[in-house]
Amino acid sequence: MSDSGLLTGGDGVNRCWWCGDDPFYQLYHDEEWGRVVTDDVRLFEKLVLEGFQSGLSWLTILRKRENFRAAF
C-alpha cells in the first residue's frame, strides 16, 4: 500500500485500500462507490442493500446482490 492508501491491483489500476483484490469490491469501487445516484430504481436498491447490510460485511451483501435484485 502506498502512503496515499492506494493499492495497485493486478490489472494495474490504483484503488482504495479497502477493496483489496476481491472482484466484487473492485467492481463496486470502480463503477459505483462515490458516484451520485439519480435513478429511483438504483436508489431503492442501494437503500435495500444498506438496510440488509446491518451486522454483515458489505462484501457479503455485494455477493448476494443478484438475489436481492430477484427478490425486489
N, C-alpha and C. Protein backbone atom coordinates (compact mmCIF):
# COMPACT_ATOMS: atom_id res chain seq x y z
N MET A 1 0.85 -1.18 0.00
CA MET A 1 0.00 0.00 0.00
C MET A 1 0.89 1.23 0.00
N SER A 2 0.50 2.22 -0.77
CA SER A 2 1.26 3.46 -0.83
C SER A 2 0.91 4.35 0.36
N ASP A 3 1.66 5.41 0.53
CA ASP A 3 1.38 6.37 1.60
C ASP A 3 0.00 7.02 1.45
N SER A 4 -0.51 7.04 0.23
CA SER A 4 -1.83 7.65 -0.01
C SER A 4 -2.98 6.70 0.30
N GLY A 5 -2.68 5.45 0.65
CA GLY A 5 -3.73 4.48 0.94
C GLY A 5 -4.24 3.76 -0.28
N LEU A 6 -3.52 3.88 -1.40
CA LEU A 6 -3.94 3.22 -2.62
C LEU A 6 -3.18 1.92 -2.83
N LEU A 7 -3.86 0.96 -3.41
CA LEU A 7 -3.24 -0.30 -3.81
C LEU A 7 -3.31 -0.40 -5.33
N THR A 8 -2.28 -0.93 -5.92
CA THR A 8 -2.30 -1.18 -7.36
C THR A 8 -2.66 -2.63 -7.57
N GLY A 9 -3.79 -2.86 -8.24
CA GLY A 9 -4.26 -4.22 -8.48
C GLY A 9 -3.46 -4.92 -9.57
N GLY A 10 -3.73 -6.20 -9.74
CA GLY A 10 -3.07 -6.99 -10.77
C GLY A 10 -3.34 -6.46 -12.17
N ASP A 11 -4.42 -5.70 -12.31
CA ASP A 11 -4.76 -5.10 -13.60
C ASP A 11 -4.12 -3.72 -13.79
N GLY A 12 -3.30 -3.31 -12.81
CA GLY A 12 -2.60 -2.04 -12.91
C GLY A 12 -3.41 -0.83 -12.49
N VAL A 13 -4.64 -1.04 -12.00
CA VAL A 13 -5.50 0.07 -11.59
C VAL A 13 -5.27 0.38 -10.11
N ASN A 14 -5.11 1.66 -9.78
CA ASN A 14 -4.99 2.09 -8.39
C ASN A 14 -6.38 2.18 -7.78
N ARG A 15 -6.53 1.59 -6.58
CA ARG A 15 -7.81 1.61 -5.88
C ARG A 15 -7.56 1.87 -4.40
N CYS A 16 -8.62 2.26 -3.71
CA CYS A 16 -8.54 2.44 -2.26
C CYS A 16 -8.18 1.11 -1.60
N TRP A 17 -7.51 1.20 -0.46
CA TRP A 17 -7.01 0.01 0.22
C TRP A 17 -8.12 -0.97 0.58
N TRP A 18 -9.35 -0.48 0.86
CA TRP A 18 -10.40 -1.34 1.39
C TRP A 18 -10.94 -2.36 0.39
N CYS A 19 -10.72 -2.17 -0.90
CA CYS A 19 -11.27 -3.15 -1.84
C CYS A 19 -10.31 -4.30 -2.13
N GLY A 20 -9.06 -4.17 -1.73
CA GLY A 20 -8.12 -5.27 -1.85
C GLY A 20 -8.13 -5.91 -3.23
N ASP A 21 -8.17 -7.25 -3.24
CA ASP A 21 -8.13 -7.97 -4.52
C ASP A 21 -9.42 -8.72 -4.82
N ASP A 22 -10.48 -8.43 -4.08
CA ASP A 22 -11.76 -9.10 -4.31
C ASP A 22 -12.47 -8.48 -5.52
N PRO A 23 -12.88 -9.31 -6.49
CA PRO A 23 -13.51 -8.76 -7.70
C PRO A 23 -14.83 -8.03 -7.44
N PHE A 24 -15.61 -8.45 -6.43
CA PHE A 24 -16.86 -7.75 -6.12
C PHE A 24 -16.57 -6.34 -5.61
N TYR A 25 -15.59 -6.23 -4.70
CA TYR A 25 -15.20 -4.92 -4.19
C TYR A 25 -14.61 -4.05 -5.29
N GLN A 26 -13.77 -4.63 -6.13
CA GLN A 26 -13.15 -3.85 -7.20
C GLN A 26 -14.19 -3.30 -8.16
N LEU A 27 -15.15 -4.11 -8.55
CA LEU A 27 -16.21 -3.65 -9.45
C LEU A 27 -17.05 -2.55 -8.79
N TYR A 28 -17.39 -2.76 -7.52
CA TYR A 28 -18.14 -1.75 -6.77
C TYR A 28 -17.34 -0.45 -6.69
N HIS A 29 -16.06 -0.56 -6.37
CA HIS A 29 -15.19 0.61 -6.27
C HIS A 29 -15.12 1.35 -7.60
N ASP A 30 -14.91 0.62 -8.67
CA ASP A 30 -14.69 1.24 -9.99
C ASP A 30 -15.95 1.84 -10.59
N GLU A 31 -17.11 1.23 -10.33
CA GLU A 31 -18.32 1.64 -11.04
C GLU A 31 -19.39 2.33 -10.20
N GLU A 32 -19.30 2.21 -8.85
CA GLU A 32 -20.39 2.76 -8.03
C GLU A 32 -19.96 3.66 -6.89
N TRP A 33 -18.93 3.28 -6.17
CA TRP A 33 -18.55 3.98 -4.95
C TRP A 33 -18.25 5.45 -5.22
N GLY A 34 -18.88 6.32 -4.44
CA GLY A 34 -18.64 7.75 -4.57
C GLY A 34 -19.36 8.43 -5.72
N ARG A 35 -20.24 7.71 -6.39
CA ARG A 35 -20.97 8.29 -7.53
C ARG A 35 -22.40 8.63 -7.12
N VAL A 36 -22.89 9.70 -7.64
CA VAL A 36 -24.26 10.14 -7.35
C VAL A 36 -25.25 9.22 -8.05
N VAL A 37 -26.31 8.85 -7.32
CA VAL A 37 -27.37 8.02 -7.88
C VAL A 37 -28.61 8.89 -8.04
N THR A 38 -29.13 8.96 -9.27
CA THR A 38 -30.33 9.76 -9.53
C THR A 38 -31.50 8.91 -10.00
N ASP A 39 -31.24 7.66 -10.34
CA ASP A 39 -32.28 6.75 -10.81
C ASP A 39 -33.02 6.16 -9.60
N ASP A 40 -34.36 6.24 -9.58
CA ASP A 40 -35.14 5.76 -8.44
C ASP A 40 -34.93 4.28 -8.16
N VAL A 41 -34.84 3.47 -9.19
CA VAL A 41 -34.67 2.03 -9.01
C VAL A 41 -33.31 1.74 -8.37
N ARG A 42 -32.26 2.37 -8.86
CA ARG A 42 -30.91 2.17 -8.30
C ARG A 42 -30.83 2.70 -6.87
N LEU A 43 -31.51 3.82 -6.61
CA LEU A 43 -31.52 4.38 -5.27
C LEU A 43 -32.23 3.43 -4.30
N PHE A 44 -33.36 2.86 -4.73
CA PHE A 44 -34.07 1.88 -3.90
C PHE A 44 -33.19 0.66 -3.64
N GLU A 45 -32.48 0.20 -4.67
CA GLU A 45 -31.58 -0.94 -4.50
C GLU A 45 -30.53 -0.64 -3.44
N LYS A 46 -29.91 0.53 -3.51
CA LYS A 46 -28.89 0.89 -2.52
C LYS A 46 -29.48 0.97 -1.12
N LEU A 47 -30.68 1.52 -1.00
CA LEU A 47 -31.34 1.60 0.29
C LEU A 47 -31.59 0.21 0.87
N VAL A 48 -32.09 -0.70 0.05
CA VAL A 48 -32.34 -2.07 0.49
C VAL A 48 -31.04 -2.76 0.89
N LEU A 49 -30.01 -2.63 0.06
CA LEU A 49 -28.73 -3.26 0.37
C LEU A 49 -28.15 -2.72 1.67
N GLU A 50 -28.21 -1.43 1.87
CA GLU A 50 -27.71 -0.83 3.11
C GLU A 50 -28.49 -1.35 4.32
N GLY A 51 -29.80 -1.47 4.18
CA GLY A 51 -30.61 -1.97 5.28
C GLY A 51 -30.27 -3.41 5.65
N PHE A 52 -30.08 -4.25 4.66
CA PHE A 52 -29.74 -5.65 4.92
C PHE A 52 -28.29 -5.81 5.36
N GLN A 53 -27.47 -4.81 5.12
CA GLN A 53 -26.06 -4.89 5.47
C GLN A 53 -25.85 -4.83 6.98
N SER A 54 -26.78 -4.30 7.71
CA SER A 54 -26.62 -4.13 9.15
C SER A 54 -26.19 -5.44 9.81
N GLY A 55 -25.01 -5.44 10.38
CA GLY A 55 -24.48 -6.62 11.05
C GLY A 55 -23.72 -7.56 10.14
N LEU A 56 -23.73 -7.30 8.85
CA LEU A 56 -23.00 -8.13 7.89
C LEU A 56 -21.91 -7.30 7.23
N SER A 57 -20.96 -7.97 6.62
CA SER A 57 -19.95 -7.22 5.87
C SER A 57 -20.56 -6.78 4.54
N TRP A 58 -20.06 -5.67 4.02
CA TRP A 58 -20.54 -5.17 2.74
C TRP A 58 -20.24 -6.17 1.64
N LEU A 59 -19.14 -6.89 1.76
CA LEU A 59 -18.78 -7.89 0.76
C LEU A 59 -19.84 -9.00 0.70
N THR A 60 -20.38 -9.41 1.83
CA THR A 60 -21.45 -10.41 1.85
C THR A 60 -22.65 -9.91 1.06
N ILE A 61 -23.01 -8.66 1.25
CA ILE A 61 -24.15 -8.08 0.54
C ILE A 61 -23.87 -7.99 -0.96
N LEU A 62 -22.67 -7.57 -1.33
CA LEU A 62 -22.33 -7.48 -2.75
C LEU A 62 -22.40 -8.85 -3.42
N ARG A 63 -21.99 -9.88 -2.70
CA ARG A 63 -22.03 -11.23 -3.27
C ARG A 63 -23.46 -11.74 -3.43
N LYS A 64 -24.38 -11.23 -2.63
CA LYS A 64 -25.79 -11.65 -2.68
C LYS A 64 -26.66 -10.68 -3.49
N ARG A 65 -26.05 -9.69 -4.11
CA ARG A 65 -26.79 -8.63 -4.79
C ARG A 65 -27.79 -9.16 -5.82
N GLU A 66 -27.41 -10.12 -6.61
CA GLU A 66 -28.33 -10.65 -7.64
C GLU A 66 -29.55 -11.29 -7.00
N ASN A 67 -29.39 -11.90 -5.83
CA ASN A 67 -30.54 -12.47 -5.12
C ASN A 67 -31.49 -11.36 -4.66
N PHE A 68 -30.94 -10.24 -4.19
CA PHE A 68 -31.78 -9.11 -3.80
C PHE A 68 -32.50 -8.54 -5.01
N ARG A 69 -31.83 -8.44 -6.13
CA ARG A 69 -32.47 -7.92 -7.35
C ARG A 69 -33.64 -8.81 -7.75
N ALA A 70 -33.47 -10.11 -7.63
CA ALA A 70 -34.55 -11.04 -7.98
C ALA A 70 -35.73 -10.91 -7.01
N ALA A 71 -35.43 -10.66 -5.74
CA ALA A 71 -36.49 -10.57 -4.73
C ALA A 71 -37.24 -9.25 -4.77
N PHE A 72 -36.55 -8.19 -5.13
CA PHE A 72 -37.18 -6.86 -5.12
C PHE A 72 -37.35 -6.33 -6.51
